[in-house]
Amino acid sequence: MIYLASETEQNPLLPPLDEIIIGGVAFLIVFFFLGKVLLPKIQKTLADRTDAIEGGLKRAEDAQAEAQAELERYRAQLIDARREAGRLTEDAREQGAAAIAEMRAEGARIKDEIVASGHAQIEDDRKQASSVLRRDVGKLAVDLASRIVGESLEDEARQRRIVDRFLEELEAKAAAQTPEQVR
């Protein structure tokens, strides 16, 4: 303490020389340590981060381009699917129209067959009725003629000739009359 008191008063802005030397040595040690050990690790970490960021950006750009390409491909597929659906719908409509036309034609054919069959059946029934009517009218005519003439007309061949002649005369008279005379 005496030593301190004997010295001249020191400038408060200037530190003592031994502190400057110790501080300088400590600074050089820290500077050397930072320069040789920490600074390469910091630079490596920064370089890794830069690469990661740049790589991430590159990957993001690639992913963006790939997503855009996929979007375009999906849009093209959607357009193709819509075209295909439209084509299938149109095909179904055409097939439906063809089936309807075919069914109508088949129905018309069946109707024509039924009508023709009905006409044939009516014609057969008319012929059968005409035959039965001829036979019955012939029998009645023979019975009536037998009563008028007073003799039996039992001969079958004669009966048929008389009946046929009588019916032919009636048909000829009916054919000779016009539709206006019949009314």
Protein backbone atom coordinates (compact mmCIF):
# COMPACT_ATOMS: atom_id res chain seq x y z
CA MET A 1 0.00 0.00 0.00
CA ILE A 2 2.80 2.23 0.64
CA TYR A 3 4.01 1.49 -2.78
CA LEU A 4 0.74 2.56 -4.15
CA ALA A 5 0.71 5.71 -2.18
CA SER A 6 4.21 6.62 -3.11
CA GLU A 7 3.49 6.45 -6.77
CA THR A 8 2.26 9.36 -8.51
CA GLU A 9 -1.27 9.52 -9.16
CA GLN A 10 -2.26 7.35 -12.12
CA ASN A 11 -4.43 8.43 -15.04
CA PRO A 12 -7.86 6.80 -14.70
CA LEU A 13 -8.15 6.45 -18.50
CA LEU A 14 -4.96 4.43 -18.83
CA PRO A 15 -4.97 1.02 -17.21
CA PRO A 16 -1.84 -0.29 -15.59
CA LEU A 17 0.76 -1.86 -17.83
CA ASP A 18 0.55 -5.34 -16.30
CA GLU A 19 -3.22 -5.40 -16.97
CA ILE A 20 -2.61 -4.34 -20.57
CA ILE A 21 -0.09 -7.17 -21.02
CA ILE A 22 -2.33 -9.80 -19.36
CA GLY A 23 -5.33 -8.51 -21.31
CA GLY A 24 -3.33 -8.58 -24.56
CA VAL A 25 -2.12 -12.15 -23.96
CA ALA A 26 -5.69 -13.26 -23.05
CA PHE A 27 -7.00 -11.52 -26.17
CA LEU A 28 -4.44 -13.28 -28.38
CA ILE A 29 -5.32 -16.67 -26.83
CA VAL A 30 -9.04 -16.07 -27.35
CA PHE A 31 -8.39 -14.72 -30.86
CA PHE A 32 -6.24 -17.72 -31.71
CA PHE A 33 -8.83 -20.10 -30.25
CA LEU A 34 -11.65 -18.39 -32.15
CA GLY A 35 -9.63 -18.26 -35.38
CA LYS A 36 -8.41 -21.85 -35.34
CA VAL A 37 -11.23 -23.76 -33.65
CA LEU A 38 -14.53 -21.89 -33.70
CA LEU A 39 -14.26 -19.90 -36.93
CA PRO A 40 -13.93 -23.02 -39.19
CA LYS A 41 -16.87 -24.63 -37.40
CA ILE A 42 -18.91 -21.45 -37.81
CA GLN A 43 -17.96 -21.21 -41.49
CA LYS A 44 -18.80 -24.89 -42.01
CA THR A 45 -22.17 -24.43 -40.28
CA LEU A 46 -22.90 -21.34 -42.39
CA ALA A 47 -21.87 -23.18 -45.56
CA ASP A 48 -24.09 -26.13 -44.60
CA ARG A 49 -26.98 -23.79 -43.93
CA THR A 50 -26.40 -22.01 -47.23
CA ASP A 51 -26.31 -25.34 -49.07
CA ALA A 52 -29.40 -26.52 -47.23
CA ILE A 53 -31.28 -23.34 -48.04
CA GLU A 54 -30.16 -23.33 -51.66
CA GLY A 55 -30.84 -27.07 -51.94
CA GLY A 56 -34.23 -26.57 -50.29
CA LEU A 57 -35.03 -23.80 -52.74
CA LYS A 58 -33.87 -25.98 -55.63
CA ARG A 59 -35.92 -28.90 -54.33
CA ALA A 60 -38.90 -26.59 -53.84
CA GLU A 61 -38.54 -25.31 -57.41
CA ASP A 62 -38.25 -28.89 -58.68
CA ALA A 63 -41.26 -29.93 -56.63
CA GLN A 64 -43.17 -26.90 -57.92
CA ALA A 65 -42.31 -27.80 -61.53
CA GLU A 66 -43.23 -31.44 -60.93
CA ALA A 67 -46.51 -30.41 -59.29
CA GLN A 68 -47.27 -28.15 -62.25
CA ALA A 69 -46.52 -31.00 -64.67
CA GLU A 70 -48.77 -33.34 -62.65
CA LEU A 71 -51.51 -30.71 -62.64
CA GLU A 72 -51.30 -30.41 -66.42
CA ARG A 73 -51.34 -34.18 -66.77
CA TYR A 74 -54.39 -34.46 -64.50
CA ARG A 75 -56.14 -31.72 -66.45
CA ALA A 76 -55.42 -33.56 -69.70
CA GLN A 77 -56.73 -36.79 -68.16
CA LEU A 78 -59.83 -34.96 -66.95
CA ILE A 79 -60.45 -33.57 -70.42
CA ASP A 80 -59.95 -37.06 -71.91
CA ALA A 81 -62.29 -38.54 -69.30
CA ARG A 82 -64.95 -35.94 -70.10
CA ARG A 83 -64.60 -36.66 -73.81
CA GLU A 84 -64.84 -40.39 -73.15
CA ALA A 85 -67.89 -39.89 -70.94
CA GLY A 86 -69.52 -37.77 -73.66
CA ARG A 87 -68.70 -40.39 -76.27
CA LEU A 88 -70.07 -43.18 -74.08
CA THR A 89 -73.22 -41.16 -73.41
CA GLU A 90 -73.69 -40.53 -77.12
CA ASP A 91 -73.06 -44.22 -77.89
CA ALA A 92 -75.64 -45.18 -75.25
CA ARG A 93 -78.14 -42.76 -76.77
CA GLU A 94 -77.51 -44.17 -80.24
CA GLN A 95 -77.81 -47.74 -78.98
CA GLY A 96 -81.01 -46.82 -77.13
CA ALA A 97 -82.46 -45.20 -80.24
CA ALA A 98 -81.46 -48.24 -82.32
CA ALA A 99 -83.01 -50.58 -79.74
CA ILE A 100 -86.21 -48.52 -79.73
CA ALA A 101 -86.34 -48.53 -83.54
CA GLU A 102 -85.67 -52.28 -83.57
CA MET A 103 -88.41 -52.89 -81.00
CA ARG A 104 -90.83 -50.73 -82.98
CA ALA A 105 -90.01 -52.63 -86.17
CA GLU A 106 -90.41 -55.94 -84.32
CA GLY A 107 -93.71 -54.73 -82.85
CA ALA A 108 -94.93 -53.66 -86.30
CA ARG A 109 -93.90 -57.04 -87.73
CA ILE A 110 -95.67 -58.92 -84.94
CA LYS A 111 -98.74 -56.70 -85.37
CA ASP A 112 -98.75 -57.41 -89.12
CA GLU A 113 -98.43 -61.14 -88.41
CA ILE A 114 -101.29 -61.00 -85.93
CA VAL A 115 -103.46 -59.00 -88.34
CA ALA A 116 -102.64 -61.39 -91.21
CA SER A 117 -103.34 -64.37 -88.95
CA GLY A 118 -106.60 -62.74 -87.89
CA HIS A 119 -107.59 -62.11 -91.51
CA ALA A 120 -106.72 -65.71 -92.40
CA GLN A 121 -108.70 -66.96 -89.42
CA ILE A 122 -111.64 -64.75 -90.37
CA GLU A 123 -111.44 -66.00 -93.96
CA ASP A 124 -111.34 -69.62 -92.74
CA ASP A 125 -114.26 -68.96 -90.40
CA ARG A 126 -116.17 -67.25 -93.23
CA LYS A 127 -115.56 -70.23 -95.54
CA GLN A 128 -116.57 -72.65 -92.84
CA ALA A 129 -119.69 -70.61 -92.02
CA SER A 130 -120.49 -70.36 -95.72
CA SER A 131 -120.13 -74.12 -96.08
CA VAL A 132 -122.30 -74.79 -93.05
CA LEU A 133 -124.78 -72.18 -94.23
CA ARG A 134 -124.88 -73.73 -97.72
CA ARG A 135 -125.51 -77.13 -96.25
CA ASP A 136 -128.21 -75.87 -93.90
CA VAL A 137 -129.84 -73.66 -96.56
CA GLY A 138 -129.67 -76.57 -99.00
CA LYS A 139 -131.34 -78.89 -96.56
CA LEU A 140 -134.03 -76.33 -95.80
CA ALA A 141 -134.48 -75.61 -99.50
CA VAL A 142 -134.83 -79.36 -100.28
CA ASP A 143 -137.31 -79.81 -97.45
CA LEU A 144 -139.29 -76.81 -98.65
CA ALA A 145 -139.14 -77.94 -102.27
CA SER A 146 -140.23 -81.45 -101.22
CA ARG A 147 -143.27 -80.01 -99.51
CA ILE A 148 -144.12 -77.77 -102.46
CA VAL A 149 -143.61 -80.41 -105.12
CA GLY A 150 -145.14 -83.07 -103.02
CA GLU A 151 -142.54 -85.67 -103.75
CA SER A 152 -139.43 -86.61 -101.96
CA LEU A 153 -136.20 -85.19 -103.13
CA GLU A 154 -134.08 -87.59 -101.20
CA ASP A 155 -131.54 -88.09 -103.94
CA GLU A 156 -128.43 -86.45 -102.57
CA ALA A 157 -126.82 -85.69 -105.92
CA ARG A 158 -129.95 -83.97 -107.12
CA GLN A 159 -130.19 -82.01 -103.89
CA ARG A 160 -126.64 -80.72 -104.27
CA ARG A 161 -127.20 -79.65 -107.86
CA ILE A 162 -130.40 -77.83 -107.00
CA VAL A 163 -128.88 -76.16 -103.94
CA ASP A 164 -125.70 -75.19 -105.79
CA ARG A 165 -127.69 -73.74 -108.70
CA PHE A 166 -129.94 -71.83 -106.31
CA LEU A 167 -127.02 -70.40 -104.32
CA GLU A 168 -125.11 -69.47 -107.47
CA GLU A 169 -128.17 -67.56 -108.73
CA LEU A 170 -128.39 -65.75 -105.38
CA GLU A 171 -124.66 -64.87 -105.41
CA ALA A 172 -124.94 -63.64 -109.01
CA LYS A 173 -127.85 -61.40 -108.09
CA ALA A 174 -125.98 -60.09 -105.01
CA ALA A 175 -122.87 -59.40 -107.09
CA ALA A 176 -124.90 -57.62 -109.75
CA GLN A 177 -126.37 -55.22 -107.23
CA THR A 178 -124.27 -52.16 -106.59
CA PRO A 179 -123.57 -50.91 -103.07
CA GLU A 180 -126.04 -48.08 -103.61
CA GLN A 181 -128.85 -50.54 -104.36
CA VAL A 182 -128.05 -52.52 -101.25
CA ARG A 183 -128.52 -49.45 -99.04
